[in-house]
Amino acid sequence: RLEFKMVDDESDFFGKIKDNDLPEGEGISIYQENAPAGPGKSVQTHFARIVRRDNETQLQARERFKKWVKTLPVPDDHVVSFEEIIDFDGETGKTTEVGWRTFYLFARADVTGDYITDANVAQDSQSGVGHFYVAITFSPAGADRFEEVTGANVKRRFAIILDDTINSAPVIQS
């Protein structure tokens, strides 16, 4: 299932959680970041992060994280979603699964995969060999909806969610 949802950086949901409210020994921390909040604006917001334990898989760490998030008072019109944190070692070319981070999203999907009529892998000719991306084609209704949502949310983050995992949360540029 593919969904596009707006990130609600301005509510700063995780900024309201105090360090002493975090479960001890779970490897969960709250981090601060600057997030875009519209043209010429930014806000300080927070997110939660969990570190994968040596004896668990990345998916087990996410389930442990989800269990904690379920204890939080998330309003019905919002959801907490998760993005995988992977470290890349430039010297060795190896990646390491580190854990997960949260995004606080509006619950309603602004656009879904139901609006997509075609998707394929394409190569980015601007950045050189080896850079690939997924090119998607929307139905006319999907294109209109995507234009409406992105036009109203320039310089805000738009989460791309595939099967309940955030693939990325890029900033809408135009």
N, C-alpha and C. Protein backbone atom coordinates (compact mmCIF):
# COMPACT_ATOMS: atom_id res chain seq x y z
N ARG A 1 0.85 -1.18 0.00
CA ARG A 1 0.00 0.00 0.00
C ARG A 1 0.89 1.23 0.00
N LEU A 2 0.63 2.13 -0.92
CA LEU A 2 1.38 3.37 -1.05
C LEU A 2 0.49 4.53 -0.62
N GLU A 3 1.03 5.38 0.27
CA GLU A 3 0.30 6.56 0.73
C GLU A 3 1.24 7.75 0.80
N PHE A 4 0.68 8.93 0.61
CA PHE A 4 1.41 10.18 0.79
C PHE A 4 0.65 10.95 1.88
N LYS A 5 1.35 11.30 2.95
CA LYS A 5 0.72 12.03 4.06
C LYS A 5 1.58 13.22 4.45
N MET A 6 0.93 14.30 4.85
CA MET A 6 1.66 15.48 5.31
C MET A 6 2.21 15.24 6.72
N VAL A 7 3.45 15.71 6.92
CA VAL A 7 4.08 15.67 8.24
C VAL A 7 3.59 16.90 9.00
N ASP A 8 3.20 16.72 10.26
CA ASP A 8 2.75 17.83 11.11
C ASP A 8 3.90 18.24 12.03
N ASP A 9 4.85 18.98 11.47
CA ASP A 9 6.00 19.42 12.27
C ASP A 9 5.63 20.51 13.26
N GLU A 10 4.60 21.28 12.96
CA GLU A 10 4.26 22.43 13.79
C GLU A 10 3.62 22.05 15.13
N SER A 11 3.08 20.84 15.25
CA SER A 11 2.49 20.42 16.52
C SER A 11 3.54 20.03 17.55
N ASP A 12 4.73 19.64 17.11
CA ASP A 12 5.83 19.22 17.98
C ASP A 12 5.36 18.21 19.04
N PHE A 13 4.69 17.17 18.59
CA PHE A 13 4.15 16.15 19.47
C PHE A 13 5.20 15.55 20.40
N PHE A 14 6.35 15.19 19.86
CA PHE A 14 7.38 14.53 20.69
C PHE A 14 8.14 15.50 21.58
N GLY A 15 8.00 16.80 21.33
CA GLY A 15 8.62 17.80 22.20
C GLY A 15 7.93 17.89 23.55
N LYS A 16 6.73 17.35 23.64
CA LYS A 16 5.97 17.39 24.89
C LYS A 16 6.32 16.22 25.81
N ILE A 17 7.11 15.28 25.31
CA ILE A 17 7.49 14.10 26.11
C ILE A 17 8.76 14.41 26.88
N LYS A 18 8.71 14.24 28.15
CA LYS A 18 9.87 14.52 29.01
C LYS A 18 10.77 13.29 29.08
N ASP A 19 12.05 13.54 29.33
CA ASP A 19 13.02 12.44 29.40
C ASP A 19 12.62 11.38 30.43
N ASN A 20 12.05 11.82 31.56
CA ASN A 20 11.68 10.84 32.59
C ASN A 20 10.42 10.05 32.22
N ASP A 21 9.75 10.43 31.10
CA ASP A 21 8.61 9.65 30.61
C ASP A 21 9.04 8.54 29.65
N LEU A 22 10.31 8.52 29.28
CA LEU A 22 10.82 7.50 28.37
C LEU A 22 11.08 6.21 29.13
N PRO A 23 10.77 5.07 28.53
CA PRO A 23 11.01 3.80 29.22
C PRO A 23 12.52 3.55 29.39
N GLU A 24 12.89 3.16 30.57
CA GLU A 24 14.30 2.93 30.88
C GLU A 24 14.82 1.68 30.19
N GLY A 25 16.01 1.76 29.65
CA GLY A 25 16.66 0.60 29.06
C GLY A 25 16.14 0.16 27.71
N GLU A 26 15.28 0.97 27.08
CA GLU A 26 14.70 0.59 25.79
C GLU A 26 15.45 1.20 24.61
N GLY A 27 16.39 2.11 24.88
CA GLY A 27 17.14 2.73 23.79
C GLY A 27 16.33 3.75 23.02
N ILE A 28 15.32 4.34 23.68
CA ILE A 28 14.47 5.35 23.05
C ILE A 28 14.92 6.73 23.54
N SER A 29 15.13 7.63 22.59
CA SER A 29 15.54 9.00 22.91
C SER A 29 14.71 9.97 22.09
N ILE A 30 14.66 11.21 22.56
CA ILE A 30 13.99 12.29 21.84
C ILE A 30 15.07 13.22 21.29
N TYR A 31 14.94 13.56 20.01
CA TYR A 31 15.89 14.44 19.34
C TYR A 31 15.17 15.67 18.82
N GLN A 32 15.90 16.77 18.72
CA GLN A 32 15.36 18.01 18.18
C GLN A 32 15.89 18.21 16.77
N GLU A 33 15.06 18.80 15.90
CA GLU A 33 15.49 19.14 14.55
C GLU A 33 14.76 20.39 14.09
N ASN A 34 15.33 21.08 13.13
CA ASN A 34 14.64 22.19 12.48
C ASN A 34 13.90 21.63 11.28
N ALA A 35 12.65 21.99 11.15
CA ALA A 35 11.83 21.48 10.06
C ALA A 35 11.21 22.64 9.29
N PRO A 36 11.02 22.47 8.00
CA PRO A 36 10.38 23.52 7.21
C PRO A 36 8.91 23.64 7.59
N ALA A 37 8.42 24.89 7.59
CA ALA A 37 7.02 25.12 7.98
C ALA A 37 6.35 26.09 7.02
N GLY A 38 6.73 26.03 5.75
CA GLY A 38 6.17 26.92 4.75
C GLY A 38 7.26 27.83 4.21
N PRO A 39 6.95 28.57 3.15
CA PRO A 39 7.95 29.45 2.54
C PRO A 39 8.57 30.43 3.54
N GLY A 40 9.88 30.37 3.67
CA GLY A 40 10.59 31.28 4.57
C GLY A 40 10.44 30.99 6.04
N LYS A 41 9.84 29.87 6.40
CA LYS A 41 9.59 29.55 7.81
C LYS A 41 10.22 28.21 8.18
N SER A 42 10.62 28.10 9.43
CA SER A 42 11.03 26.80 9.96
C SER A 42 10.63 26.76 11.43
N VAL A 43 10.52 25.55 11.95
CA VAL A 43 10.16 25.36 13.36
C VAL A 43 11.11 24.35 13.97
N GLN A 44 11.30 24.49 15.26
CA GLN A 44 12.03 23.46 15.99
C GLN A 44 11.01 22.42 16.40
N THR A 45 11.29 21.20 16.06
CA THR A 45 10.39 20.10 16.38
C THR A 45 11.22 18.94 16.90
N HIS A 46 10.55 17.91 17.37
CA HIS A 46 11.23 16.77 17.96
C HIS A 46 10.73 15.47 17.35
N PHE A 47 11.56 14.46 17.44
CA PHE A 47 11.17 13.12 17.01
C PHE A 47 11.78 12.12 17.97
N ALA A 48 11.19 10.94 18.02
CA ALA A 48 11.72 9.87 18.85
C ALA A 48 12.55 8.94 17.98
N ARG A 49 13.53 8.35 18.59
CA ARG A 49 14.42 7.43 17.88
C ARG A 49 14.70 6.24 18.78
N ILE A 50 14.73 5.05 18.18
CA ILE A 50 15.08 3.85 18.93
C ILE A 50 16.30 3.22 18.27
N VAL A 51 17.20 2.71 19.11
CA VAL A 51 18.40 2.04 18.63
C VAL A 51 18.16 0.54 18.71
N ARG A 52 18.51 -0.14 17.60
CA ARG A 52 18.37 -1.59 17.54
C ARG A 52 19.38 -2.23 18.47
N ARG A 53 18.92 -3.19 19.24
CA ARG A 53 19.81 -3.94 20.13
C ARG A 53 20.61 -4.96 19.32
N ASP A 54 21.77 -5.36 19.84
CA ASP A 54 22.61 -6.33 19.14
C ASP A 54 21.91 -7.66 18.90
N ASN A 55 21.04 -8.03 19.82
CA ASN A 55 20.41 -9.36 19.74
C ASN A 55 19.04 -9.34 19.07
N GLU A 56 18.69 -8.27 18.37
CA GLU A 56 17.38 -8.23 17.73
C GLU A 56 17.48 -7.78 16.28
N THR A 57 16.47 -8.16 15.51
CA THR A 57 16.40 -7.72 14.11
C THR A 57 15.86 -6.30 14.07
N GLN A 58 15.99 -5.69 12.91
CA GLN A 58 15.46 -4.35 12.71
C GLN A 58 13.94 -4.35 12.89
N LEU A 59 13.26 -5.39 12.41
CA LEU A 59 11.80 -5.46 12.56
C LEU A 59 11.39 -5.65 14.01
N GLN A 60 12.17 -6.39 14.78
CA GLN A 60 11.88 -6.55 16.21
C GLN A 60 12.03 -5.20 16.94
N ALA A 61 13.02 -4.43 16.54
CA ALA A 61 13.20 -3.10 17.14
C ALA A 61 12.01 -2.21 16.82
N ARG A 62 11.51 -2.28 15.57
CA ARG A 62 10.34 -1.48 15.21
C ARG A 62 9.11 -1.89 16.01
N GLU A 63 8.91 -3.19 16.21
CA GLU A 63 7.77 -3.65 17.00
C GLU A 63 7.86 -3.17 18.44
N ARG A 64 9.07 -3.17 18.99
CA ARG A 64 9.28 -2.67 20.35
C ARG A 64 8.98 -1.17 20.41
N PHE A 65 9.37 -0.45 19.38
CA PHE A 65 9.12 0.99 19.28
C PHE A 65 7.62 1.26 19.15
N LYS A 66 6.94 0.50 18.28
CA LYS A 66 5.50 0.65 18.10
C LYS A 66 4.74 0.41 19.40
N LYS A 67 5.19 -0.57 20.16
CA LYS A 67 4.54 -0.88 21.44
C LYS A 67 4.60 0.33 22.37
N TRP A 68 5.73 1.00 22.41
CA TRP A 68 5.85 2.20 23.24
C TRP A 68 4.98 3.32 22.71
N VAL A 69 4.99 3.53 21.39
CA VAL A 69 4.20 4.62 20.79
C VAL A 69 2.71 4.43 21.07
N LYS A 70 2.25 3.18 21.12
CA LYS A 70 0.83 2.92 21.41
C LYS A 70 0.42 3.41 22.79
N THR A 71 1.36 3.64 23.69
CA THR A 71 1.05 4.14 25.03
C THR A 71 0.89 5.66 25.04
N LEU A 72 1.19 6.33 23.93
CA LEU A 72 1.15 7.79 23.86
C LEU A 72 -0.24 8.28 23.46
N PRO A 73 -0.62 9.48 23.90
CA PRO A 73 -1.95 10.02 23.60
C PRO A 73 -2.02 10.67 22.21
N VAL A 74 -1.93 9.86 21.16
CA VAL A 74 -1.99 10.37 19.79
C VAL A 74 -3.45 10.63 19.44
N PRO A 75 -3.78 11.87 19.04
CA PRO A 75 -5.17 12.17 18.67
C PRO A 75 -5.60 11.36 17.45
N ASP A 76 -6.91 11.18 17.31
CA ASP A 76 -7.46 10.37 16.21
C ASP A 76 -7.11 10.91 14.82
N ASP A 77 -6.88 12.22 14.71
CA ASP A 77 -6.59 12.81 13.40
C ASP A 77 -5.10 12.81 13.05
N HIS A 78 -4.30 12.12 13.85
CA HIS A 78 -2.86 12.01 13.62
C HIS A 78 -2.41 10.56 13.79
N VAL A 79 -1.24 10.25 13.25
CA VAL A 79 -0.60 8.96 13.44
C VAL A 79 0.89 9.19 13.60
N VAL A 80 1.53 8.24 14.24
CA VAL A 80 2.98 8.23 14.31
C VAL A 80 3.44 7.13 13.36
N SER A 81 4.35 7.50 12.48
CA SER A 81 4.86 6.52 11.53
C SER A 81 6.38 6.44 11.68
N PHE A 82 6.98 5.43 11.06
CA PHE A 82 8.37 5.10 11.33
C PHE A 82 9.20 5.05 10.06
N GLU A 83 10.41 5.58 10.14
CA GLU A 83 11.37 5.52 9.05
C GLU A 83 12.62 4.80 9.55
N GLU A 84 13.12 3.91 8.73
CA GLU A 84 14.30 3.14 9.09
C GLU A 84 15.54 4.04 9.06
N ILE A 85 16.42 3.87 10.05
CA ILE A 85 17.69 4.59 10.08
C ILE A 85 18.78 3.61 9.69
N ILE A 86 19.48 3.94 8.62
CA ILE A 86 20.55 3.09 8.12
C ILE A 86 21.81 3.94 7.98
N ASP A 87 22.89 3.52 8.60
CA ASP A 87 24.17 4.22 8.47
C ASP A 87 24.93 3.67 7.28
N PHE A 88 25.60 4.56 6.55
CA PHE A 88 26.40 4.17 5.40
C PHE A 88 27.86 4.52 5.68
N ASP A 89 28.73 3.54 5.54
CA ASP A 89 30.17 3.74 5.70
C ASP A 89 30.77 3.98 4.32
N GLY A 90 31.17 5.21 4.05
CA GLY A 90 31.70 5.57 2.75
C GLY A 90 32.99 4.86 2.39
N GLU A 91 33.77 4.50 3.40
CA GLU A 91 35.04 3.82 3.13
C GLU A 91 34.84 2.38 2.68
N THR A 92 33.94 1.68 3.35
CA THR A 92 33.73 0.26 3.03
C THR A 92 32.56 0.05 2.07
N GLY A 93 31.68 1.06 1.97
CA GLY A 93 30.50 0.91 1.13
C GLY A 93 29.41 0.07 1.78
N LYS A 94 29.58 -0.23 3.07
CA LYS A 94 28.61 -1.08 3.76
C LYS A 94 27.57 -0.23 4.49
N THR A 95 26.38 -0.82 4.61
CA THR A 95 25.31 -0.18 5.36
C THR A 95 25.03 -0.99 6.62
N THR A 96 24.58 -0.30 7.65
CA THR A 96 24.24 -0.94 8.91
C THR A 96 22.87 -0.45 9.36
N GLU A 97 21.97 -1.39 9.68
CA GLU A 97 20.66 -1.03 10.20
C GLU A 97 20.85 -0.59 11.65
N VAL A 98 20.48 0.65 11.94
CA VAL A 98 20.74 1.24 13.25
C VAL A 98 19.50 1.24 14.14
N GLY A 99 18.34 1.54 13.54
CA GLY A 99 17.12 1.66 14.33
C GLY A 99 16.04 2.34 13.52
N TRP A 100 15.20 3.09 14.23
CA TRP A 100 14.05 3.74 13.62
C TRP A 100 13.87 5.13 14.18
N ARG A 101 13.22 6.00 13.41
CA ARG A 101 12.82 7.32 13.89
C ARG A 101 11.34 7.52 13.59
N THR A 102 10.73 8.46 14.29
CA THR A 102 9.31 8.74 14.12
C THR A 102 9.08 9.98 13.27
N PHE A 103 7.91 10.03 12.68
CA PHE A 103 7.35 11.23 12.09
C PHE A 103 5.92 11.33 12.60
N TYR A 104 5.50 12.52 12.95
CA TYR A 104 4.14 12.78 13.41
C TYR A 104 3.35 13.29 12.21
N LEU A 105 2.40 12.49 11.75
CA LEU A 105 1.68 12.75 10.51
C LEU A 105 0.20 13.01 10.73
N PHE A 106 -0.39 13.73 9.79
CA PHE A 106 -1.84 13.79 9.76
C PHE A 106 -2.33 12.41 9.33
N ALA A 107 -3.38 11.90 9.94
CA ALA A 107 -3.82 10.53 9.72
C ALA A 107 -4.33 10.29 8.30
N ARG A 108 -4.98 11.27 7.73
CA ARG A 108 -5.59 11.08 6.41
C ARG A 108 -4.52 11.09 5.33
N ALA A 109 -4.56 10.09 4.46
CA ALA A 109 -3.66 10.07 3.31
C ALA A 109 -4.16 11.08 2.29
N ASP A 110 -3.30 12.00 1.89
CA ASP A 110 -3.69 13.01 0.91
C ASP A 110 -3.76 12.41 -0.49
N VAL A 111 -2.89 11.46 -0.76
CA VAL A 111 -2.86 10.76 -2.04
C VAL A 111 -2.50 9.31 -1.74
N THR A 112 -3.07 8.38 -2.49
CA THR A 112 -2.75 6.96 -2.30
C THR A 112 -2.31 6.35 -3.64
N GLY A 113 -1.81 5.14 -3.56
CA GLY A 113 -1.41 4.41 -4.74
C GLY A 113 -2.56 4.13 -5.70
N ASP A 114 -3.78 4.27 -5.22
CA ASP A 114 -4.95 4.06 -6.09
C ASP A 114 -4.97 5.06 -7.25
N TYR A 115 -4.30 6.19 -7.08
CA TYR A 115 -4.25 7.23 -8.11
C TYR A 115 -3.12 7.01 -9.12
N ILE A 116 -2.30 5.98 -8.93
CA ILE A 116 -1.15 5.75 -9.80
C ILE A 116 -1.55 4.77 -10.91
N THR A 117 -1.23 5.15 -12.14
CA THR A 117 -1.55 4.28 -13.28
C THR A 117 -0.33 3.53 -13.79
N ASP A 118 0.88 4.01 -13.47
CA ASP A 118 2.09 3.34 -13.93
C ASP A 118 3.25 3.71 -13.02
N ALA A 119 4.16 2.77 -12.84
CA ALA A 119 5.38 3.01 -12.06
C ALA A 119 6.49 2.15 -12.65
N ASN A 120 7.67 2.75 -12.79
CA ASN A 120 8.82 1.99 -13.27
C ASN A 120 10.11 2.62 -12.78
N VAL A 121 11.19 1.88 -12.92
CA VAL A 121 12.50 2.36 -12.50
C VAL A 121 13.08 3.20 -13.64
N ALA A 122 13.63 4.35 -13.27
CA ALA A 122 14.26 5.23 -14.25
C ALA A 122 15.64 5.64 -13.72
N GLN A 123 16.52 6.01 -14.65
CA GLN A 123 17.86 6.44 -14.26
C GLN A 123 17.96 7.94 -14.35
N ASP A 124 18.58 8.54 -13.33
CA ASP A 124 18.76 9.98 -13.28
C ASP A 124 19.98 10.34 -14.12
N SER A 125 19.76 10.94 -15.28
CA SER A 125 20.87 11.27 -16.18
C SER A 125 21.67 12.47 -15.68
N GLN A 126 21.12 13.25 -14.77
CA GLN A 126 21.81 14.44 -14.25
C GLN A 126 22.93 14.09 -13.26
N SER A 127 22.70 13.05 -12.45
CA SER A 127 23.67 12.76 -11.38
C SER A 127 24.61 11.61 -11.71
N GLY A 128 24.54 11.07 -12.90
CA GLY A 128 25.51 10.07 -13.31
C GLY A 128 25.00 8.65 -13.21
N VAL A 129 25.92 7.74 -13.51
CA VAL A 129 25.60 6.32 -13.56
C VAL A 129 25.27 5.80 -12.16
N GLY A 130 24.31 4.90 -12.11
CA GLY A 130 24.00 4.24 -10.85
C GLY A 130 22.96 4.91 -9.99
N HIS A 131 22.43 6.04 -10.40
CA HIS A 131 21.42 6.74 -9.62
C HIS A 131 20.05 6.46 -10.25
N PHE A 132 19.26 5.70 -9.53
CA PHE A 132 17.95 5.31 -10.04
C PHE A 132 16.85 5.84 -9.13
N TYR A 133 15.67 5.96 -9.67
CA TYR A 133 14.50 6.37 -8.90
C TYR A 133 13.27 5.71 -9.48
N VAL A 134 12.17 5.80 -8.78
CA VAL A 134 10.91 5.25 -9.27
C VAL A 134 10.13 6.40 -9.90
N ALA A 135 9.80 6.24 -11.16
CA ALA A 135 8.99 7.23 -11.88
C ALA A 135 7.55 6.76 -11.83
N ILE A 136 6.65 7.65 -11.41
CA ILE A 136 5.24 7.28 -11.31
C ILE A 136 4.40 8.17 -12.22
N THR A 137 3.29 7.61 -12.69
CA THR A 137 2.32 8.35 -13.49
C THR A 137 0.99 8.29 -12.75
N PHE A 138 0.41 9.46 -12.52
CA PHE A 138 -0.88 9.54 -11.85
C PHE A 138 -2.01 9.51 -12.86
N SER A 139 -3.17 9.06 -12.40
CA SER A 139 -4.40 9.21 -13.19
C SER A 139 -4.71 10.71 -13.23
N PRO A 140 -5.57 11.17 -14.12
CA PRO A 140 -5.91 12.60 -14.13
C PRO A 140 -6.41 13.10 -12.77
N ALA A 141 -7.26 12.33 -12.10
CA ALA A 141 -7.75 12.74 -10.77
C ALA A 141 -6.60 12.76 -9.77
N GLY A 142 -5.71 11.79 -9.86
CA GLY A 142 -4.56 11.73 -8.96
C GLY A 142 -3.61 12.88 -9.17
N ALA A 143 -3.38 13.23 -10.44
CA ALA A 143 -2.50 14.36 -10.76
C ALA A 143 -3.08 15.66 -10.21
N ASP A 144 -4.40 15.82 -10.36
CA ASP A 144 -5.05 17.02 -9.83
C ASP A 144 -4.92 17.08 -8.32
N ARG A 145 -5.14 15.95 -7.66
CA ARG A 145 -5.05 15.91 -6.19
C ARG A 145 -3.62 16.17 -5.73
N PHE A 146 -2.66 15.55 -6.40
CA PHE A 146 -1.25 15.74 -6.03
C PHE A 146 -0.86 17.21 -6.20
N GLU A 147 -1.29 17.82 -7.30
CA GLU A 147 -1.01 19.24 -7.53
C GLU A 147 -1.64 20.12 -6.45
N GLU A 148 -2.86 19.81 -6.09
CA GLU A 148 -3.58 20.57 -5.06
C GLU A 148 -2.86 20.50 -3.71
N VAL A 149 -2.49 19.29 -3.31
CA VAL A 149 -1.84 19.09 -2.01
C VAL A 149 -0.46 19.72 -1.99
N THR A 150 0.34 19.47 -3.01
CA THR A 150 1.70 20.02 -3.01
C THR A 150 1.68 21.54 -3.15
N GLY A 151 0.76 22.07 -3.94
CA GLY A 151 0.67 23.52 -4.10
C GLY A 151 0.32 24.23 -2.81
N ALA A 152 -0.48 23.59 -1.97
CA ALA A 152 -0.90 24.18 -0.70
C ALA A 152 0.12 23.96 0.42
N ASN A 153 1.15 23.17 0.15
CA ASN A 153 2.09 22.81 1.22
C ASN A 153 3.56 22.97 0.82
N VAL A 154 3.85 23.99 0.02
CA VAL A 154 5.22 24.25 -0.39
C VAL A 154 6.07 24.52 0.85
N LYS A 155 7.27 23.93 0.85
CA LYS A 155 8.25 24.05 1.94
C LYS A 155 7.78 23.36 3.23
N ARG A 156 7.00 22.30 3.05
CA ARG A 156 6.62 21.42 4.16
C ARG A 156 6.99 19.99 3.76
N ARG A 157 7.09 19.09 4.75
CA ARG A 157 7.46 17.72 4.45
C ARG A 157 6.23 16.86 4.12
N PHE A 158 6.42 15.97 3.16
CA PHE A 158 5.37 15.11 2.62
C PHE A 158 5.90 13.68 2.69
N ALA A 159 5.36 12.88 3.60
CA ALA A 159 5.87 11.52 3.81
C ALA A 159 5.37 10.58 2.72
N ILE A 160 6.29 9.78 2.21
CA ILE A 160 5.97 8.73 1.25
C ILE A 160 6.03 7.41 2.01
N ILE A 161 4.88 6.74 2.12
CA ILE A 161 4.76 5.57 2.99
C ILE A 161 4.43 4.35 2.15
N LEU A 162 5.24 3.32 2.26
CA LEU A 162 5.00 2.08 1.55
C LEU A 162 4.85 0.97 2.58
N ASP A 163 3.68 0.34 2.59
CA ASP A 163 3.39 -0.75 3.54
C ASP A 163 3.69 -0.36 4.98
N ASP A 164 3.17 0.79 5.39
CA ASP A 164 3.27 1.30 6.77
C ASP A 164 4.68 1.67 7.22
N THR A 165 5.61 1.83 6.29
CA THR A 165 6.96 2.28 6.63
C THR A 165 7.27 3.50 5.76
N ILE A 166 7.77 4.55 6.39
CA ILE A 166 8.12 5.75 5.65
C ILE A 166 9.36 5.47 4.82
N ASN A 167 9.24 5.69 3.53
CA ASN A 167 10.37 5.54 2.62
C ASN A 167 11.22 6.80 2.65
N SER A 168 10.55 7.95 2.67
CA SER A 168 11.23 9.24 2.81
C SER A 168 10.19 10.30 3.13
N ALA A 169 10.66 11.46 3.57
CA ALA A 169 9.77 12.59 3.87
C ALA A 169 10.40 13.86 3.30
N PRO A 170 10.40 13.97 1.96
CA PRO A 170 11.04 15.12 1.34
C PRO A 170 10.25 16.41 1.55
N VAL A 171 10.94 17.51 1.38
CA VAL A 171 10.32 18.83 1.45
C VAL A 171 9.77 19.17 0.06
N ILE A 172 8.52 19.57 0.01
CA ILE A 172 7.90 19.99 -1.25
C ILE A 172 8.56 21.30 -1.66
N GLN A 173 9.18 21.32 -2.82
CA GLN A 173 9.89 22.52 -3.26
C GLN A 173 9.03 23.48 -4.05
N SER A 174 8.11 22.94 -4.83
CA SER A 174 7.24 23.83 -5.64
C SER A 174 6.00 23.07 -6.04
